[in-house]
């Protein structure tokens, strides 16, 4: 069974980095061959923003994840090891602000709202974190819950 990653980009772990728990989940699922095909293990949006914002090399990150299959706290410990024991609080704040404030383009927003059965004009959702949550929930519902209930 392939899984939809249902940890929101708006969630942070103990290091306070938004989206990092979701990135960990996606790459972990991918390493286990269980990531839903609609999701890249590491995409060009928030995934890349987090890796770049933390100054992590994507290939090294992927290699660590695929070879060690870390728990989430083990991933954070590895990140701290890569960064000399601490993260730059200013860099984390800047990254988190960029994630929170990011908005999808009009066509993406419209497609997510339509797929979820919500009116385009009436939706308050504009930020990518909320729209991505809605999209995840809809895919999960359509492919997992609806099938299980019928």
N, C-alpha and C. Protein backbone atom coordinates (compact mmCIF):
# COMPACT_ATOMS: atom_id res chain seq x y z
N UNK A 1 0.83 -1.17 0.00
CA UNK A 1 0.00 0.00 0.00
C UNK A 1 0.89 1.25 0.00
N UNK A 2 0.59 2.17 -0.87
CA UNK A 2 1.31 3.44 -0.95
C UNK A 2 0.60 4.45 -0.05
N UNK A 3 1.36 5.28 0.63
CA UNK A 3 0.79 6.18 1.63
C UNK A 3 0.92 7.65 1.24
N UNK A 4 -0.14 8.39 1.55
CA UNK A 4 -0.15 9.84 1.42
C UNK A 4 0.54 10.39 2.67
N UNK A 5 1.51 11.28 2.52
CA UNK A 5 2.19 11.84 3.70
C UNK A 5 1.29 12.88 4.38
N UNK A 6 0.74 12.51 5.53
CA UNK A 6 -0.25 13.37 6.17
C UNK A 6 0.30 14.25 7.28
N UNK A 7 1.60 14.41 7.37
CA UNK A 7 2.17 15.41 8.27
C UNK A 7 2.19 16.72 7.49
N UNK A 8 1.62 17.75 8.07
CA UNK A 8 1.54 19.06 7.41
C UNK A 8 2.90 19.75 7.34
N UNK A 9 3.06 20.56 6.32
CA UNK A 9 4.25 21.41 6.22
C UNK A 9 4.28 22.45 7.33
N UNK A 10 3.16 22.67 7.99
CA UNK A 10 3.08 23.62 9.09
C UNK A 10 3.51 23.05 10.43
N UNK A 11 4.00 21.82 10.44
CA UNK A 11 4.45 21.16 11.67
C UNK A 11 5.97 21.24 11.74
N UNK A 12 6.48 21.54 12.94
CA UNK A 12 7.92 21.56 13.20
C UNK A 12 8.23 20.55 14.29
N UNK A 13 9.43 20.02 14.28
CA UNK A 13 9.90 19.14 15.34
C UNK A 13 10.64 19.95 16.39
N UNK A 14 11.37 19.28 17.28
CA UNK A 14 12.09 19.96 18.36
C UNK A 14 13.05 21.06 17.89
N UNK A 15 13.64 20.92 16.71
CA UNK A 15 14.54 21.98 16.22
C UNK A 15 13.79 23.22 15.76
N UNK A 16 12.47 23.11 15.63
CA UNK A 16 11.67 24.27 15.25
C UNK A 16 11.61 24.55 13.76
N UNK A 17 11.99 23.60 12.92
CA UNK A 17 12.01 23.80 11.48
C UNK A 17 10.72 23.29 10.86
N UNK A 18 9.93 24.22 10.33
CA UNK A 18 8.69 23.82 9.67
C UNK A 18 8.99 22.93 8.47
N UNK A 19 8.10 22.03 8.18
CA UNK A 19 8.13 21.11 7.04
C UNK A 19 9.16 19.98 7.18
N UNK A 20 10.11 20.08 8.08
CA UNK A 20 11.12 19.03 8.20
C UNK A 20 10.49 17.68 8.57
N UNK A 21 9.51 17.63 9.50
CA UNK A 21 8.89 16.33 9.77
C UNK A 21 8.21 15.73 8.52
N UNK A 22 7.60 16.55 7.71
CA UNK A 22 6.96 16.05 6.48
C UNK A 22 8.02 15.53 5.50
N UNK A 23 9.11 16.26 5.36
CA UNK A 23 10.19 15.82 4.48
C UNK A 23 10.73 14.48 4.96
N UNK A 24 10.94 14.34 6.27
CA UNK A 24 11.40 13.07 6.84
C UNK A 24 10.42 11.95 6.50
N UNK A 25 9.12 12.21 6.66
CA UNK A 25 8.12 11.19 6.37
C UNK A 25 8.14 10.79 4.90
N UNK A 26 8.18 11.78 4.01
CA UNK A 26 8.17 11.46 2.58
C UNK A 26 9.39 10.64 2.16
N UNK A 27 10.57 11.03 2.61
CA UNK A 27 11.77 10.31 2.22
C UNK A 27 11.79 8.93 2.89
N UNK A 28 11.30 8.84 4.12
CA UNK A 28 11.21 7.54 4.80
C UNK A 28 10.27 6.60 4.05
N UNK A 29 9.11 7.10 3.66
CA UNK A 29 8.17 6.28 2.90
C UNK A 29 8.77 5.87 1.55
N UNK A 30 9.46 6.80 0.91
CA UNK A 30 10.10 6.49 -0.37
C UNK A 30 11.14 5.39 -0.20
N UNK A 31 11.95 5.49 0.83
CA UNK A 31 13.00 4.49 1.08
C UNK A 31 12.40 3.11 1.33
N UNK A 32 11.18 3.08 1.87
CA UNK A 32 10.50 1.81 2.14
C UNK A 32 9.64 1.35 0.97
N UNK A 33 9.63 2.16 -0.12
CA UNK A 33 8.80 1.81 -1.28
C UNK A 33 7.32 2.02 -1.04
N UNK A 34 6.97 2.91 -0.10
CA UNK A 34 5.57 3.09 0.28
C UNK A 34 5.02 4.50 0.04
N UNK A 35 5.79 5.37 -0.61
CA UNK A 35 5.32 6.73 -0.86
C UNK A 35 4.32 6.73 -2.02
N UNK A 36 3.21 7.39 -1.82
CA UNK A 36 2.17 7.52 -2.85
C UNK A 36 2.81 8.12 -4.10
N UNK A 37 2.44 7.62 -5.28
CA UNK A 37 3.09 8.08 -6.52
C UNK A 37 2.84 9.55 -6.88
N UNK A 38 1.86 10.19 -6.28
CA UNK A 38 1.62 11.61 -6.57
C UNK A 38 2.60 12.53 -5.85
N UNK A 39 3.46 11.96 -5.00
CA UNK A 39 4.36 12.76 -4.17
C UNK A 39 5.81 12.42 -4.48
N UNK A 40 6.63 13.45 -4.75
CA UNK A 40 8.07 13.17 -4.88
C UNK A 40 8.68 13.03 -3.49
N UNK A 41 9.70 12.21 -3.38
CA UNK A 41 10.40 12.08 -2.10
C UNK A 41 10.98 13.44 -1.70
N UNK A 42 11.61 14.09 -2.66
CA UNK A 42 12.14 15.44 -2.45
C UNK A 42 11.77 16.26 -3.68
N UNK A 43 10.88 17.20 -3.47
CA UNK A 43 10.41 18.03 -4.57
C UNK A 43 11.15 19.37 -4.63
N UNK A 44 10.67 20.21 -5.54
CA UNK A 44 11.33 21.50 -5.77
C UNK A 44 10.76 22.63 -4.91
N UNK A 45 9.70 22.39 -4.16
CA UNK A 45 9.08 23.43 -3.36
C UNK A 45 9.64 23.49 -1.95
N UNK A 46 8.76 23.17 -0.97
CA UNK A 46 9.16 23.26 0.43
C UNK A 46 10.34 22.33 0.75
N UNK A 47 10.40 21.16 0.11
CA UNK A 47 11.51 20.24 0.38
C UNK A 47 12.85 20.91 0.08
N UNK A 48 12.94 21.49 -1.09
CA UNK A 48 14.17 22.18 -1.49
C UNK A 48 14.42 23.40 -0.59
N UNK A 49 13.35 24.12 -0.25
CA UNK A 49 13.51 25.28 0.63
C UNK A 49 14.12 24.87 1.96
N UNK A 50 13.68 23.75 2.52
CA UNK A 50 14.19 23.30 3.82
C UNK A 50 15.65 22.89 3.70
N UNK A 51 15.96 22.07 2.71
CA UNK A 51 17.34 21.64 2.55
C UNK A 51 18.27 22.82 2.31
N UNK A 52 17.87 23.73 1.43
CA UNK A 52 18.69 24.92 1.15
C UNK A 52 18.76 25.83 2.38
N UNK A 53 17.63 26.02 3.04
CA UNK A 53 17.58 26.90 4.21
C UNK A 53 18.46 26.41 5.36
N UNK A 54 18.60 25.08 5.46
CA UNK A 54 19.45 24.51 6.50
C UNK A 54 20.88 24.28 6.02
N UNK A 55 21.11 24.55 4.73
CA UNK A 55 22.45 24.35 4.17
C UNK A 55 22.84 22.89 4.07
N UNK A 56 21.86 22.02 3.77
CA UNK A 56 22.13 20.59 3.65
C UNK A 56 22.21 20.18 2.19
N UNK A 57 23.12 19.30 1.88
CA UNK A 57 23.26 18.76 0.53
C UNK A 57 22.18 17.70 0.32
N UNK A 58 21.43 17.84 -0.76
CA UNK A 58 20.31 16.92 -1.01
C UNK A 58 20.78 15.47 -1.13
N UNK A 59 21.85 15.24 -1.85
CA UNK A 59 22.33 13.86 -2.04
C UNK A 59 22.79 13.25 -0.72
N UNK A 60 23.46 14.03 0.11
CA UNK A 60 23.89 13.52 1.42
C UNK A 60 22.69 13.23 2.31
N UNK A 61 21.69 14.11 2.25
CA UNK A 61 20.46 13.92 3.02
C UNK A 61 19.77 12.62 2.59
N UNK A 62 19.58 12.46 1.27
CA UNK A 62 18.93 11.25 0.75
C UNK A 62 19.72 10.00 1.11
N UNK A 63 21.02 10.06 0.98
CA UNK A 63 21.87 8.91 1.30
C UNK A 63 21.72 8.53 2.77
N UNK A 64 21.77 9.52 3.66
CA UNK A 64 21.61 9.24 5.08
C UNK A 64 20.25 8.60 5.34
N UNK A 65 19.20 9.17 4.77
CA UNK A 65 17.85 8.65 4.99
C UNK A 65 17.71 7.22 4.47
N UNK A 66 18.22 6.95 3.29
CA UNK A 66 18.05 5.63 2.68
C UNK A 66 18.95 4.57 3.34
N UNK A 67 20.11 4.97 3.81
CA UNK A 67 21.02 3.99 4.42
C UNK A 67 20.71 3.71 5.88
N UNK A 68 20.25 4.73 6.61
CA UNK A 68 20.10 4.60 8.06
C UNK A 68 18.65 4.49 8.53
N UNK A 69 17.69 4.88 7.69
CA UNK A 69 16.27 4.83 8.06
C UNK A 69 16.06 5.39 9.47
N UNK A 70 16.45 6.65 9.67
CA UNK A 70 16.42 7.20 11.04
C UNK A 70 15.00 7.49 11.53
N UNK A 71 14.85 7.46 12.85
CA UNK A 71 13.64 8.01 13.47
C UNK A 71 13.72 9.52 13.28
N UNK A 72 12.64 10.22 13.58
CA UNK A 72 12.70 11.67 13.41
C UNK A 72 13.77 12.31 14.32
N UNK A 73 13.81 11.96 15.62
CA UNK A 73 14.87 12.54 16.45
C UNK A 73 16.28 12.20 15.96
N UNK A 74 16.46 11.02 15.39
CA UNK A 74 17.78 10.67 14.84
C UNK A 74 18.13 11.55 13.65
N UNK A 75 17.13 11.89 12.83
CA UNK A 75 17.38 12.80 11.72
C UNK A 75 17.81 14.17 12.23
N UNK A 76 17.09 14.69 13.21
CA UNK A 76 17.46 16.00 13.76
C UNK A 76 18.86 15.97 14.35
N UNK A 77 19.22 14.87 15.02
CA UNK A 77 20.57 14.74 15.59
C UNK A 77 21.61 14.75 14.47
N UNK A 78 21.32 14.07 13.36
CA UNK A 78 22.24 14.06 12.22
C UNK A 78 22.40 15.46 11.64
N UNK A 79 21.29 16.17 11.54
CA UNK A 79 21.34 17.54 11.01
C UNK A 79 22.22 18.41 11.91
N UNK A 80 22.03 18.31 13.22
CA UNK A 80 22.86 19.09 14.14
C UNK A 80 24.34 18.71 13.99
N UNK A 81 24.60 17.44 13.79
CA UNK A 81 25.98 17.00 13.58
C UNK A 81 26.57 17.64 12.32
N UNK A 82 25.78 17.72 11.27
CA UNK A 82 26.23 18.34 10.02
C UNK A 82 26.48 19.83 10.19
N UNK A 83 25.75 20.45 11.10
CA UNK A 83 25.81 21.90 11.28
C UNK A 83 26.67 22.31 12.48
N UNK A 84 27.51 21.42 12.97
CA UNK A 84 28.41 21.77 14.06
C UNK A 84 27.73 21.91 15.41
N UNK A 85 26.61 21.26 15.59
CA UNK A 85 25.95 21.24 16.90
C UNK A 85 24.81 22.20 17.10
N UNK A 86 24.63 23.14 16.18
CA UNK A 86 23.50 24.07 16.35
C UNK A 86 23.09 24.66 15.01
N UNK A 87 21.83 25.09 14.98
CA UNK A 87 21.31 25.77 13.80
C UNK A 87 21.31 27.27 14.05
N UNK A 88 21.43 28.03 13.00
CA UNK A 88 21.36 29.48 13.07
C UNK A 88 19.89 29.87 13.27
N UNK A 89 19.53 30.43 14.43
CA UNK A 89 18.14 30.78 14.68
C UNK A 89 17.57 31.75 13.65
N UNK A 90 18.39 32.66 13.16
CA UNK A 90 17.94 33.60 12.14
C UNK A 90 17.59 32.90 10.84
N UNK A 91 18.40 31.92 10.46
CA UNK A 91 18.15 31.15 9.23
C UNK A 91 16.87 30.34 9.37
N UNK A 92 16.65 29.75 10.55
CA UNK A 92 15.43 28.97 10.79
C UNK A 92 14.20 29.88 10.76
N UNK A 93 14.30 31.05 11.38
CA UNK A 93 13.18 31.99 11.37
C UNK A 93 12.86 32.45 9.95
N UNK A 94 13.89 32.72 9.17
CA UNK A 94 13.70 33.15 7.78
C UNK A 94 13.06 32.03 6.96
N UNK A 95 13.53 30.81 7.13
CA UNK A 95 12.96 29.66 6.43
C UNK A 95 11.50 29.46 6.81
N UNK A 96 11.21 29.47 8.11
CA UNK A 96 9.83 29.29 8.56
C UNK A 96 8.91 30.38 8.04
N UNK A 97 9.38 31.60 8.03
CA UNK A 97 8.57 32.71 7.50
C UNK A 97 8.29 32.52 6.02
N UNK A 98 9.28 32.03 5.28
CA UNK A 98 9.09 31.79 3.84
C UNK A 98 8.07 30.69 3.61
N UNK A 99 8.08 29.66 4.43
CA UNK A 99 7.12 28.56 4.29
C UNK A 99 5.71 29.05 4.63
N UNK A 100 5.58 29.76 5.73
CA UNK A 100 4.26 30.24 6.16
C UNK A 100 3.65 31.21 5.16
N UNK A 101 4.47 32.05 4.57
CA UNK A 101 3.95 33.10 3.68
C UNK A 101 3.81 32.68 2.22
N UNK A 102 4.33 31.51 1.86
CA UNK A 102 4.30 31.10 0.46
C UNK A 102 2.86 30.85 0.00
N UNK A 103 2.54 31.37 -1.16
CA UNK A 103 1.21 31.17 -1.74
C UNK A 103 1.35 30.50 -3.11
N UNK A 104 0.46 29.55 -3.36
CA UNK A 104 0.43 28.92 -4.68
C UNK A 104 -0.09 29.91 -5.72
N UNK A 105 0.22 29.63 -6.97
CA UNK A 105 -0.32 30.45 -8.05
C UNK A 105 -1.83 30.21 -8.17
N UNK A 106 -2.49 31.09 -8.89
CA UNK A 106 -3.95 31.05 -9.02
C UNK A 106 -4.45 29.70 -9.55
N UNK A 107 -3.82 29.17 -10.58
CA UNK A 107 -4.29 27.92 -11.18
C UNK A 107 -4.17 26.75 -10.21
N UNK A 108 -3.08 26.69 -9.46
CA UNK A 108 -2.91 25.62 -8.48
C UNK A 108 -3.96 25.73 -7.39
N UNK A 109 -4.15 26.95 -6.88
CA UNK A 109 -5.17 27.17 -5.85
C UNK A 109 -6.54 26.75 -6.36
N UNK A 110 -6.89 27.18 -7.55
CA UNK A 110 -8.19 26.86 -8.13
C UNK A 110 -8.37 25.34 -8.28
N UNK A 111 -7.34 24.65 -8.74
CA UNK A 111 -7.43 23.21 -8.93
C UNK A 111 -7.61 22.46 -7.60
N UNK A 112 -6.88 22.88 -6.57
CA UNK A 112 -7.00 22.23 -5.26
C UNK A 112 -8.40 22.44 -4.70
N UNK A 113 -8.89 23.68 -4.78
CA UNK A 113 -10.23 23.96 -4.26
C UNK A 113 -11.29 23.18 -5.03
N UNK A 114 -11.17 23.15 -6.34
CA UNK A 114 -12.14 22.43 -7.17
C UNK A 114 -12.12 20.94 -6.86
N UNK A 115 -10.93 20.36 -6.78
CA UNK A 115 -10.81 18.94 -6.49
C UNK A 115 -11.41 18.58 -5.14
N UNK A 116 -11.38 19.53 -4.22
CA UNK A 116 -11.91 19.31 -2.88
C UNK A 116 -13.39 19.68 -2.77
N UNK A 117 -13.97 20.16 -3.86
CA UNK A 117 -15.38 20.52 -3.85
C UNK A 117 -15.69 21.84 -3.16
N UNK A 118 -14.70 22.70 -3.10
CA UNK A 118 -14.90 24.00 -2.45
C UNK A 118 -15.02 25.10 -3.50
N UNK A 119 -15.84 26.11 -3.20
CA UNK A 119 -15.98 27.21 -4.16
C UNK A 119 -14.69 28.02 -4.23
N UNK A 120 -14.33 28.34 -5.46
CA UNK A 120 -13.10 29.10 -5.70
C UNK A 120 -13.14 30.48 -5.05
N UNK A 121 -14.22 31.19 -5.26
CA UNK A 121 -14.31 32.57 -4.78
C UNK A 121 -14.50 32.64 -3.27
N UNK A 122 -15.13 31.64 -2.68
CA UNK A 122 -15.44 31.71 -1.26
C UNK A 122 -14.35 31.19 -0.36
N UNK A 123 -13.33 30.59 -0.93
CA UNK A 123 -12.29 30.00 -0.10
C UNK A 123 -11.37 31.03 0.53
N UNK A 124 -11.14 30.89 1.82
CA UNK A 124 -10.19 31.78 2.50
C UNK A 124 -8.77 31.29 2.32
N UNK A 125 -8.65 30.05 1.90
CA UNK A 125 -7.32 29.46 1.81
C UNK A 125 -6.53 30.04 0.65
N UNK A 126 -5.40 30.61 0.97
CA UNK A 126 -4.51 31.15 -0.05
C UNK A 126 -3.09 30.62 0.14
N UNK A 127 -2.73 30.34 1.39
CA UNK A 127 -1.35 29.91 1.64
C UNK A 127 -1.15 28.46 1.20
N UNK A 128 0.05 28.15 0.76
CA UNK A 128 0.37 26.83 0.23
C UNK A 128 0.27 25.74 1.30
N UNK A 129 0.62 26.04 2.55
CA UNK A 129 0.54 25.02 3.60
C UNK A 129 -0.90 24.54 3.73
N UNK A 130 -1.85 25.45 3.83
CA UNK A 130 -3.26 25.07 3.98
C UNK A 130 -3.80 24.37 2.75
N UNK A 131 -3.44 24.88 1.57
CA UNK A 131 -3.90 24.24 0.34
C UNK A 131 -3.30 22.85 0.18
N UNK A 132 -2.04 22.69 0.52
CA UNK A 132 -1.41 21.37 0.45
C UNK A 132 -2.08 20.39 1.42
N UNK A 133 -2.42 20.87 2.62
CA UNK A 133 -3.15 20.03 3.58
C UNK A 133 -4.45 19.56 2.96
N UNK A 134 -5.20 20.48 2.41
CA UNK A 134 -6.49 20.16 1.80
C UNK A 134 -6.31 19.13 0.68
N UNK A 135 -5.30 19.32 -0.13
CA UNK A 135 -5.02 18.40 -1.23
C UNK A 135 -4.67 17.00 -0.69
N UNK A 136 -3.81 16.95 0.33
CA UNK A 136 -3.46 15.66 0.95
C UNK A 136 -4.69 14.95 1.47
N UNK A 137 -5.53 15.69 2.19
CA UNK A 137 -6.73 15.08 2.78
C UNK A 137 -7.66 14.54 1.70
N UNK A 138 -7.79 15.28 0.60
CA UNK A 138 -8.66 14.84 -0.48
C UNK A 138 -8.12 13.58 -1.15
N UNK A 139 -6.83 13.56 -1.42
CA UNK A 139 -6.22 12.36 -2.03
C UNK A 139 -6.37 11.17 -1.09
N UNK A 140 -6.10 11.38 0.18
CA UNK A 140 -6.25 10.31 1.17
C UNK A 140 -7.70 9.81 1.18
N UNK A 141 -8.64 10.73 1.20
CA UNK A 141 -10.05 10.35 1.22
C UNK A 141 -10.42 9.54 -0.02
N UNK A 142 -10.07 10.06 -1.18
CA UNK A 142 -10.45 9.41 -2.43
C UNK A 142 -9.82 8.04 -2.60
N UNK A 143 -8.57 7.90 -2.20
CA UNK A 143 -7.86 6.66 -2.49
C UNK A 143 -7.80 5.68 -1.34
N UNK A 144 -8.01 6.15 -0.13
CA UNK A 144 -7.92 5.25 1.01
C UNK A 144 -9.27 5.07 1.72
N UNK A 145 -9.84 6.15 2.20
CA UNK A 145 -11.06 6.04 2.98
C UNK A 145 -12.25 5.62 2.13
N UNK A 146 -12.43 6.25 1.00
CA UNK A 146 -13.59 5.94 0.16
C UNK A 146 -13.55 4.48 -0.28
N UNK A 147 -12.38 3.96 -0.62
CA UNK A 147 -12.25 2.56 -1.02
C UNK A 147 -12.54 1.62 0.14
N UNK A 148 -12.05 1.97 1.31
CA UNK A 148 -12.24 1.11 2.48
C UNK A 148 -13.70 1.06 2.93
N UNK A 149 -14.43 2.12 2.66
CA UNK A 149 -15.82 2.19 3.12
C UNK A 149 -16.81 1.58 2.13
N UNK A 150 -16.35 1.24 0.95
CA UNK A 150 -17.27 0.68 -0.05
C UNK A 150 -16.97 -0.75 -0.34
